[in-house]
Amino acid sequence: AMVGGPDYGESQFNRATHARRQPG
């Protein structure tokens, strides 16, 4: 399973695969 954001229709940017965020 993979959810890349809250709404695919609004934004297709896949945060699960491309968002590089600080992991803390």
mmCIF file of all heavy atoms, coordinates in Angstrom:
data_MODEL
# 
_entry.id   MODEL 
# 
loop_
_atom_site.group_PDB 
_atom_site.id 
_atom_site.type_symbol 
_atom_site.label_atom_id 
_atom_site.label_alt_id 
_atom_site.label_comp_id 
_atom_site.label_asym_id 
_atom_site.label_entity_id 
_atom_site.label_seq_id 
_atom_site.pdbx_PDB_ins_code 
_atom_site.Cartn_x 
_atom_site.Cartn_y 
_atom_site.Cartn_z 
_atom_site.occupancy 
_atom_site.B_iso_or_equiv 
_atom_site.pdbx_formal_charge 
_atom_site.auth_seq_id 
_atom_site.auth_comp_id 
_atom_site.auth_asym_id 
_atom_site.auth_atom_id 
_atom_site.pdbx_PDB_model_num 
ATOM 1   N N   . ALA A 1 1  ? 0.858  -1.189 0.000   1.00 0.00 ? 1  ALA A N   1 
ATOM 2   C CA  . ALA A 1 1  ? 0.000  0.000  0.000   1.00 0.00 ? 1  ALA A CA  1 
ATOM 3   C C   . ALA A 1 1  ? 0.889  1.233  0.000   1.00 0.00 ? 1  ALA A C   1 
ATOM 4   O O   . ALA A 1 1  ? 1.971  1.235  0.581   1.00 0.00 ? 1  ALA A O   1 
ATOM 5   C CB  . ALA A 1 1  ? -0.923 0.001  1.206   1.00 0.00 ? 1  ALA A CB  1 
ATOM 6   N N   . MET A 1 2  ? 0.391  2.283  -0.644  1.00 0.00 ? 2  MET A N   1 
ATOM 7   C CA  . MET A 1 2  ? 1.149  3.531  -0.698  1.00 0.00 ? 2  MET A CA  1 
ATOM 8   C C   . MET A 1 2  ? 0.180  4.693  -0.844  1.00 0.00 ? 2  MET A C   1 
ATOM 9   O O   . MET A 1 2  ? -0.664 4.699  -1.741  1.00 0.00 ? 2  MET A O   1 
ATOM 10  C CB  . MET A 1 2  ? 2.131  3.520  -1.868  1.00 0.00 ? 2  MET A CB  1 
ATOM 11  C CG  . MET A 1 2  ? 2.908  4.817  -2.037  1.00 0.00 ? 2  MET A CG  1 
ATOM 12  S SD  . MET A 1 2  ? 4.090  4.749  -3.395  1.00 0.00 ? 2  MET A SD  1 
ATOM 13  C CE  . MET A 1 2  ? 5.290  3.592  -2.732  1.00 0.00 ? 2  MET A CE  1 
ATOM 14  N N   . VAL A 1 3  ? 0.291  5.654  0.045   1.00 0.00 ? 3  VAL A N   1 
ATOM 15  C CA  . VAL A 1 3  ? -0.488 6.884  -0.029  1.00 0.00 ? 3  VAL A CA  1 
ATOM 16  C C   . VAL A 1 3  ? 0.510  8.030  -0.092  1.00 0.00 ? 3  VAL A C   1 
ATOM 17  O O   . VAL A 1 3  ? 1.271  8.251  0.845   1.00 0.00 ? 3  VAL A O   1 
ATOM 18  C CB  . VAL A 1 3  ? -1.424 7.043  1.181   1.00 0.00 ? 3  VAL A CB  1 
ATOM 19  C CG1 . VAL A 1 3  ? -2.299 8.285  1.005   1.00 0.00 ? 3  VAL A CG1 1 
ATOM 20  C CG2 . VAL A 1 3  ? -2.282 5.811  1.367   1.00 0.00 ? 3  VAL A CG2 1 
ATOM 21  N N   . GLY A 1 4  ? 0.490  8.757  -1.203  1.00 0.00 ? 4  GLY A N   1 
ATOM 22  C CA  . GLY A 1 4  ? 1.481  9.808  -1.410  1.00 0.00 ? 4  GLY A CA  1 
ATOM 23  C C   . GLY A 1 4  ? 1.003  11.198 -1.077  1.00 0.00 ? 4  GLY A C   1 
ATOM 24  O O   . GLY A 1 4  ? 1.715  12.173 -1.328  1.00 0.00 ? 4  GLY A O   1 
ATOM 25  N N   . GLY A 1 5  ? -0.202 11.336 -0.510  1.00 0.00 ? 5  GLY A N   1 
ATOM 26  C CA  . GLY A 1 5  ? -0.724 12.647 -0.173  1.00 0.00 ? 5  GLY A CA  1 
ATOM 27  C C   . GLY A 1 5  ? -2.193 12.568 0.163   1.00 0.00 ? 5  GLY A C   1 
ATOM 28  O O   . GLY A 1 5  ? -2.821 11.497 0.067   1.00 0.00 ? 5  GLY A O   1 
ATOM 29  N N   . PRO A 1 6  ? -2.783 13.678 0.557   1.00 0.00 ? 6  PRO A N   1 
ATOM 30  C CA  . PRO A 1 6  ? -4.187 13.662 0.977   1.00 0.00 ? 6  PRO A CA  1 
ATOM 31  C C   . PRO A 1 6  ? -5.180 13.566 -0.167  1.00 0.00 ? 6  PRO A C   1 
ATOM 32  O O   . PRO A 1 6  ? -6.280 13.054 0.004   1.00 0.00 ? 6  PRO A O   1 
ATOM 33  C CB  . PRO A 1 6  ? -4.340 14.987 1.735   1.00 0.00 ? 6  PRO A CB  1 
ATOM 34  C CG  . PRO A 1 6  ? -3.295 15.880 1.147   1.00 0.00 ? 6  PRO A CG  1 
ATOM 35  C CD  . PRO A 1 6  ? -2.145 14.992 0.784   1.00 0.00 ? 6  PRO A CD  1 
ATOM 36  N N   . ASP A 1 7  ? -4.831 14.085 -1.363  1.00 0.00 ? 7  ASP A N   1 
ATOM 37  C CA  . ASP A 1 7  ? -5.795 14.129 -2.463  1.00 0.00 ? 7  ASP A CA  1 
ATOM 38  C C   . ASP A 1 7  ? -5.043 14.068 -3.789  1.00 0.00 ? 7  ASP A C   1 
ATOM 39  O O   . ASP A 1 7  ? -4.388 15.025 -4.188  1.00 0.00 ? 7  ASP A O   1 
ATOM 40  C CB  . ASP A 1 7  ? -6.630 15.403 -2.384  1.00 0.00 ? 7  ASP A CB  1 
ATOM 41  C CG  . ASP A 1 7  ? -7.763 15.433 -3.401  1.00 0.00 ? 7  ASP A CG  1 
ATOM 42  O OD1 . ASP A 1 7  ? -7.785 14.567 -4.295  1.00 0.00 ? 7  ASP A OD1 1 
ATOM 43  O OD2 . ASP A 1 7  ? -8.620 16.326 -3.311  1.00 0.00 ? 7  ASP A OD2 1 
ATOM 44  N N   . TYR A 1 8  ? -5.141 12.938 -4.485  1.00 0.00 ? 8  TYR A N   1 
ATOM 45  C CA  . TYR A 1 8  ? -4.439 12.772 -5.755  1.00 0.00 ? 8  TYR A CA  1 
ATOM 46  C C   . TYR A 1 8  ? -4.981 13.719 -6.817  1.00 0.00 ? 8  TYR A C   1 
ATOM 47  O O   . TYR A 1 8  ? -4.231 14.191 -7.673  1.00 0.00 ? 8  TYR A O   1 
ATOM 48  C CB  . TYR A 1 8  ? -4.564 11.330 -6.232  1.00 0.00 ? 8  TYR A CB  1 
ATOM 49  C CG  . TYR A 1 8  ? -3.741 11.021 -7.458  1.00 0.00 ? 8  TYR A CG  1 
ATOM 50  C CD1 . TYR A 1 8  ? -2.398 10.674 -7.338  1.00 0.00 ? 8  TYR A CD1 1 
ATOM 51  C CD2 . TYR A 1 8  ? -4.291 11.071 -8.729  1.00 0.00 ? 8  TYR A CD2 1 
ATOM 52  C CE1 . TYR A 1 8  ? -1.618 10.399 -8.455  1.00 0.00 ? 8  TYR A CE1 1 
ATOM 53  C CE2 . TYR A 1 8  ? -3.528 10.792 -9.860  1.00 0.00 ? 8  TYR A CE2 1 
ATOM 54  C CZ  . TYR A 1 8  ? -2.195 10.458 -9.717  1.00 0.00 ? 8  TYR A CZ  1 
ATOM 55  O OH  . TYR A 1 8  ? -1.435 10.190 -10.830 1.00 0.00 ? 8  TYR A OH  1 
ATOM 56  N N   . GLY A 1 9  ? -6.279 13.976 -6.780  1.00 0.00 ? 9  GLY A N   1 
ATOM 57  C CA  . GLY A 1 9  ? -6.861 14.878 -7.759  1.00 0.00 ? 9  GLY A CA  1 
ATOM 58  C C   . GLY A 1 9  ? -6.339 16.292 -7.638  1.00 0.00 ? 9  GLY A C   1 
ATOM 59  O O   . GLY A 1 9  ? -6.234 17.023 -8.629  1.00 0.00 ? 9  GLY A O   1 
ATOM 60  N N   . GLU A 1 10 ? -5.980 16.701 -6.435  1.00 0.00 ? 10 GLU A N   1 
ATOM 61  C CA  . GLU A 1 10 ? -5.484 18.062 -6.209  1.00 0.00 ? 10 GLU A CA  1 
ATOM 62  C C   . GLU A 1 10 ? -3.997 18.179 -6.501  1.00 0.00 ? 10 GLU A C   1 
ATOM 63  O O   . GLU A 1 10 ? -3.525 19.178 -7.039  1.00 0.00 ? 10 GLU A O   1 
ATOM 64  C CB  . GLU A 1 10 ? -5.760 18.469 -4.763  1.00 0.00 ? 10 GLU A CB  1 
ATOM 65  C CG  . GLU A 1 10 ? -5.324 19.879 -4.419  1.00 0.00 ? 10 GLU A CG  1 
ATOM 66  C CD  . GLU A 1 10 ? -5.681 20.259 -2.988  1.00 0.00 ? 10 GLU A CD  1 
ATOM 67  O OE1 . GLU A 1 10 ? -6.659 19.701 -2.466  1.00 0.00 ? 10 GLU A OE1 1 
ATOM 68  O OE2 . GLU A 1 10 ? -4.975 21.092 -2.412  1.00 0.00 ? 10 GLU A OE2 1 
ATOM 69  N N   . SER A 1 11 ? -3.227 17.165 -6.138  1.00 0.00 ? 11 SER A N   1 
ATOM 70  C CA  . SER A 1 11 ? -1.785 17.184 -6.369  1.00 0.00 ? 11 SER A CA  1 
ATOM 71  C C   . SER A 1 11 ? -1.306 15.760 -6.591  1.00 0.00 ? 11 SER A C   1 
ATOM 72  O O   . SER A 1 11 ? -1.552 14.884 -5.764  1.00 0.00 ? 11 SER A O   1 
ATOM 73  C CB  . SER A 1 11 ? -1.046 17.794 -5.175  1.00 0.00 ? 11 SER A CB  1 
ATOM 74  O OG  . SER A 1 11 ? 0.357  17.616 -5.302  1.00 0.00 ? 11 SER A OG  1 
ATOM 75  N N   . GLN A 1 12 ? -0.605 15.537 -7.725  1.00 0.00 ? 12 GLN A N   1 
ATOM 76  C CA  . GLN A 1 12 ? -0.115 14.202 -8.043  1.00 0.00 ? 12 GLN A CA  1 
ATOM 77  C C   . GLN A 1 12 ? 1.316  13.966 -7.547  1.00 0.00 ? 12 GLN A C   1 
ATOM 78  O O   . GLN A 1 12 ? 1.894  12.915 -7.814  1.00 0.00 ? 12 GLN A O   1 
ATOM 79  C CB  . GLN A 1 12 ? -0.157 13.974 -9.559  1.00 0.00 ? 12 GLN A CB  1 
ATOM 80  C CG  . GLN A 1 12 ? -1.548 13.859 -10.131 1.00 0.00 ? 12 GLN A CG  1 
ATOM 81  C CD  . GLN A 1 12 ? -2.223 15.208 -10.289 1.00 0.00 ? 12 GLN A CD  1 
ATOM 82  O OE1 . GLN A 1 12 ? -1.635 16.138 -10.841 1.00 0.00 ? 12 GLN A OE1 1 
ATOM 83  N NE2 . GLN A 1 12 ? -3.445 15.334 -9.815  1.00 0.00 ? 12 GLN A NE2 1 
ATOM 84  N N   . PHE A 1 13 ? 1.882  14.926 -6.824  1.00 0.00 ? 13 PHE A N   1 
ATOM 85  C CA  . PHE A 1 13 ? 3.232  14.743 -6.295  1.00 0.00 ? 13 PHE A CA  1 
ATOM 86  C C   . PHE A 1 13 ? 3.210  13.636 -5.246  1.00 0.00 ? 13 PHE A C   1 
ATOM 87  O O   . PHE A 1 13 ? 2.455  13.697 -4.269  1.00 0.00 ? 13 PHE A O   1 
ATOM 88  C CB  . PHE A 1 13 ? 3.743  16.036 -5.671  1.00 0.00 ? 13 PHE A CB  1 
ATOM 89  C CG  . PHE A 1 13 ? 5.103  15.910 -5.047  1.00 0.00 ? 13 PHE A CG  1 
ATOM 90  C CD1 . PHE A 1 13 ? 6.225  15.704 -5.834  1.00 0.00 ? 13 PHE A CD1 1 
ATOM 91  C CD2 . PHE A 1 13 ? 5.272  15.993 -3.678  1.00 0.00 ? 13 PHE A CD2 1 
ATOM 92  C CE1 . PHE A 1 13 ? 7.478  15.581 -5.267  1.00 0.00 ? 13 PHE A CE1 1 
ATOM 93  C CE2 . PHE A 1 13 ? 6.516  15.879 -3.100  1.00 0.00 ? 13 PHE A CE2 1 
ATOM 94  C CZ  . PHE A 1 13 ? 7.626  15.678 -3.897  1.00 0.00 ? 13 PHE A CZ  1 
ATOM 95  N N   . ASN A 1 14 ? 4.024  12.612 -5.467  1.00 0.00 ? 14 ASN A N   1 
ATOM 96  C CA  . ASN A 1 14 ? 4.031  11.450 -4.581  1.00 0.00 ? 14 ASN A CA  1 
ATOM 97  C C   . ASN A 1 14 ? 5.020  11.681 -3.448  1.00 0.00 ? 14 ASN A C   1 
ATOM 98  O O   . ASN A 1 14 ? 6.224  11.502 -3.597  1.00 0.00 ? 14 ASN A O   1 
ATOM 99  C CB  . ASN A 1 14 ? 4.402  10.191 -5.366  1.00 0.00 ? 14 ASN A CB  1 
ATOM 100 C CG  . ASN A 1 14 ? 4.075  8.923  -4.606  1.00 0.00 ? 14 ASN A CG  1 
ATOM 101 O OD1 . ASN A 1 14 ? 3.971  8.928  -3.378  1.00 0.00 ? 14 ASN A OD1 1 
ATOM 102 N ND2 . ASN A 1 14 ? 3.899  7.829  -5.325  1.00 0.00 ? 14 ASN A ND2 1 
ATOM 103 N N   . ARG A 1 15 ? 4.495  12.067 -2.308  1.00 0.00 ? 15 ARG A N   1 
ATOM 104 C CA  . ARG A 1 15 ? 5.346  12.359 -1.156  1.00 0.00 ? 15 ARG A CA  1 
ATOM 105 C C   . ARG A 1 15 ? 5.985  11.097 -0.582  1.00 0.00 ? 15 ARG A C   1 
ATOM 106 O O   . ARG A 1 15 ? 7.018  11.179 0.078   1.00 0.00 ? 15 ARG A O   1 
ATOM 107 C CB  . ARG A 1 15 ? 4.525  13.079 -0.088  1.00 0.00 ? 15 ARG A CB  1 
ATOM 108 C CG  . ARG A 1 15 ? 3.990  14.435 -0.581  1.00 0.00 ? 15 ARG A CG  1 
ATOM 109 C CD  . ARG A 1 15 ? 2.692  14.807 0.100   1.00 0.00 ? 15 ARG A CD  1 
ATOM 110 N NE  . ARG A 1 15 ? 2.096  16.016 -0.457  1.00 0.00 ? 15 ARG A NE  1 
ATOM 111 C CZ  . ARG A 1 15 ? 1.290  16.030 -1.517  1.00 0.00 ? 15 ARG A CZ  1 
ATOM 112 N NH1 . ARG A 1 15 ? 0.991  14.899 -2.146  1.00 0.00 ? 15 ARG A NH1 1 
ATOM 113 N NH2 . ARG A 1 15 ? 0.787  17.157 -1.961  1.00 0.00 ? 15 ARG A NH2 1 
ATOM 114 N N   . ALA A 1 16 ? 5.371  9.957  -0.813  1.00 0.00 ? 16 ALA A N   1 
ATOM 115 C CA  . ALA A 1 16 ? 5.923  8.705  -0.295  1.00 0.00 ? 16 ALA A CA  1 
ATOM 116 C C   . ALA A 1 16 ? 7.217  8.322  -0.998  1.00 0.00 ? 16 ALA A C   1 
ATOM 117 O O   . ALA A 1 16 ? 8.080  7.673  -0.398  1.00 0.00 ? 16 ALA A O   1 
ATOM 118 C CB  . ALA A 1 16 ? 4.899  7.584  -0.442  1.00 0.00 ? 16 ALA A CB  1 
ATOM 119 N N   . THR A 1 17 ? 7.373  8.718  -2.250  1.00 0.00 ? 17 THR A N   1 
ATOM 120 C CA  . THR A 1 17 ? 8.556  8.319  -3.017  1.00 0.00 ? 17 THR A CA  1 
ATOM 121 C C   . THR A 1 17 ? 9.497  9.466  -3.347  1.00 0.00 ? 17 THR A C   1 
ATOM 122 O O   . THR A 1 17 ? 10.676 9.224  -3.638  1.00 0.00 ? 17 THR A O   1 
ATOM 123 C CB  . THR A 1 17 ? 8.123  7.656  -4.338  1.00 0.00 ? 17 THR A CB  1 
ATOM 124 O OG1 . THR A 1 17 ? 7.310  8.571  -5.083  1.00 0.00 ? 17 THR A OG1 1 
ATOM 125 C CG2 . THR A 1 17 ? 7.340  6.389  -4.071  1.00 0.00 ? 17 THR A CG2 1 
ATOM 126 N N   . HIS A 1 18 ? 9.010  10.698 -3.323  1.00 0.00 ? 18 HIS A N   1 
ATOM 127 C CA  . HIS A 1 18 ? 9.835  11.814 -3.805  1.00 0.00 ? 18 HIS A CA  1 
ATOM 128 C C   . HIS A 1 18 ? 10.033 12.937 -2.781  1.00 0.00 ? 18 HIS A C   1 
ATOM 129 O O   . HIS A 1 18 ? 10.883 13.799 -3.014  1.00 0.00 ? 18 HIS A O   1 
ATOM 130 C CB  . HIS A 1 18 ? 9.228  12.409 -5.067  1.00 0.00 ? 18 HIS A CB  1 
ATOM 131 C CG  . HIS A 1 18 ? 9.221  11.455 -6.226  1.00 0.00 ? 18 HIS A CG  1 
ATOM 132 N ND1 . HIS A 1 18 ? 10.366 10.916 -6.749  1.00 0.00 ? 18 HIS A ND1 1 
ATOM 133 C CD2 . HIS A 1 18 ? 8.201  10.927 -6.946  1.00 0.00 ? 18 HIS A CD2 1 
ATOM 134 C CE1 . HIS A 1 18 ? 10.070 10.104 -7.751  1.00 0.00 ? 18 HIS A CE1 1 
ATOM 135 N NE2 . HIS A 1 18 ? 8.759  10.094 -7.887  1.00 0.00 ? 18 HIS A NE2 1 
ATOM 136 N N   . ALA A 1 19 ? 9.265  12.975 -1.727  1.00 0.00 ? 19 ALA A N   1 
ATOM 137 C CA  . ALA A 1 19 ? 9.426  14.039 -0.729  1.00 0.00 ? 19 ALA A CA  1 
ATOM 138 C C   . ALA A 1 19 ? 10.559 13.667 0.226   1.00 0.00 ? 19 ALA A C   1 
ATOM 139 O O   . ALA A 1 19 ? 10.453 12.692 0.972   1.00 0.00 ? 19 ALA A O   1 
ATOM 140 C CB  . ALA A 1 19 ? 8.124  14.246 0.041   1.00 0.00 ? 19 ALA A CB  1 
ATOM 141 N N   . ARG A 1 20 ? 11.626 14.422 0.190   1.00 0.00 ? 20 ARG A N   1 
ATOM 142 C CA  . ARG A 1 20 ? 12.757 14.171 1.082   1.00 0.00 ? 20 ARG A CA  1 
ATOM 143 C C   . ARG A 1 20 ? 12.605 15.088 2.292   1.00 0.00 ? 20 ARG A C   1 
ATOM 144 O O   . ARG A 1 20 ? 12.905 16.275 2.230   1.00 0.00 ? 20 ARG A O   1 
ATOM 145 C CB  . ARG A 1 20 ? 14.080 14.413 0.355   1.00 0.00 ? 20 ARG A CB  1 
ATOM 146 C CG  . ARG A 1 20 ? 14.205 13.668 -0.965  1.00 0.00 ? 20 ARG A CG  1 
ATOM 147 C CD  . ARG A 1 20 ? 15.628 13.633 -1.468  1.00 0.00 ? 20 ARG A CD  1 
ATOM 148 N NE  . ARG A 1 20 ? 16.446 12.713 -0.680  1.00 0.00 ? 20 ARG A NE  1 
ATOM 149 C CZ  . ARG A 1 20 ? 16.553 11.406 -0.918  1.00 0.00 ? 20 ARG A CZ  1 
ATOM 150 N NH1 . ARG A 1 20 ? 15.887 10.865 -1.913  1.00 0.00 ? 20 ARG A NH1 1 
ATOM 151 N NH2 . ARG A 1 20 ? 17.306 10.644 -0.152  1.00 0.00 ? 20 ARG A NH2 1 
ATOM 152 N N   . ARG A 1 21 ? 12.133 14.502 3.372   1.00 0.00 ? 21 ARG A N   1 
ATOM 153 C CA  . ARG A 1 21 ? 11.861 15.257 4.602   1.00 0.00 ? 21 ARG A CA  1 
ATOM 154 C C   . ARG A 1 21 ? 12.813 14.800 5.710   1.00 0.00 ? 21 ARG A C   1 
ATOM 155 O O   . ARG A 1 21 ? 13.261 13.652 5.750   1.00 0.00 ? 21 ARG A O   1 
ATOM 156 C CB  . ARG A 1 21 ? 10.408 15.036 5.034   1.00 0.00 ? 21 ARG A CB  1 
ATOM 157 C CG  . ARG A 1 21 ? 9.377  15.350 3.968   1.00 0.00 ? 21 ARG A CG  1 
ATOM 158 C CD  . ARG A 1 21 ? 9.383  16.813 3.601   1.00 0.00 ? 21 ARG A CD  1 
ATOM 159 N NE  . ARG A 1 21 ? 9.004  17.667 4.702   1.00 0.00 ? 21 ARG A NE  1 
ATOM 160 C CZ  . ARG A 1 21 ? 8.043  18.588 4.673   1.00 0.00 ? 21 ARG A CZ  1 
ATOM 161 N NH1 . ARG A 1 21 ? 7.354  18.770 3.549   1.00 0.00 ? 21 ARG A NH1 1 
ATOM 162 N NH2 . ARG A 1 21 ? 7.781  19.338 5.711   1.00 0.00 ? 21 ARG A NH2 1 
ATOM 163 N N   . GLN A 1 22 ? 13.089 15.736 6.617   1.00 0.00 ? 22 GLN A N   1 
ATOM 164 C CA  . GLN A 1 22 ? 13.980 15.406 7.723   1.00 0.00 ? 22 GLN A CA  1 
ATOM 165 C C   . GLN A 1 22 ? 13.344 14.335 8.617   1.00 0.00 ? 22 GLN A C   1 
ATOM 166 O O   . GLN A 1 22 ? 12.240 14.528 9.116   1.00 0.00 ? 22 GLN A O   1 
ATOM 167 C CB  . GLN A 1 22 ? 14.277 16.650 8.543   1.00 0.00 ? 22 GLN A CB  1 
ATOM 168 C CG  . GLN A 1 22 ? 15.175 17.652 7.841   1.00 0.00 ? 22 GLN A CG  1 
ATOM 169 C CD  . GLN A 1 22 ? 15.582 18.806 8.741   1.00 0.00 ? 22 GLN A CD  1 
ATOM 170 O OE1 . GLN A 1 22 ? 15.096 18.929 9.863   1.00 0.00 ? 22 GLN A OE1 1 
ATOM 171 N NE2 . GLN A 1 22 ? 16.466 19.652 8.256   1.00 0.00 ? 22 GLN A NE2 1 
ATOM 172 N N   . PRO A 1 23 ? 14.044 13.206 8.821   1.00 0.00 ? 23 PRO A N   1 
ATOM 173 C CA  . PRO A 1 23 ? 13.448 12.119 9.609   1.00 0.00 ? 23 PRO A CA  1 
ATOM 174 C C   . PRO A 1 23 ? 13.511 12.328 11.113  1.00 0.00 ? 23 PRO A C   1 
ATOM 175 O O   . PRO A 1 23 ? 12.894 11.573 11.866  1.00 0.00 ? 23 PRO A O   1 
ATOM 176 C CB  . PRO A 1 23 ? 14.287 10.903 9.201   1.00 0.00 ? 23 PRO A CB  1 
ATOM 177 C CG  . PRO A 1 23 ? 15.625 11.498 8.856   1.00 0.00 ? 23 PRO A CG  1 
ATOM 178 C CD  . PRO A 1 23 ? 15.338 12.841 8.243   1.00 0.00 ? 23 PRO A CD  1 
ATOM 179 N N   . GLY A 1 24 ? 14.248 13.336 11.558  1.00 0.00 ? 24 GLY A N   1 
ATOM 180 C CA  . GLY A 1 24 ? 14.348 13.559 12.994  1.00 0.00 ? 24 GLY A CA  1 
ATOM 181 C C   . GLY A 1 24 ? 14.942 12.349 13.700  1.00 0.00 ? 24 GLY A C   1 
ATOM 182 O O   . GLY A 1 24 ? 15.837 11.674 13.192  1.00 0.00 ? 24 GLY A O   1 
# 
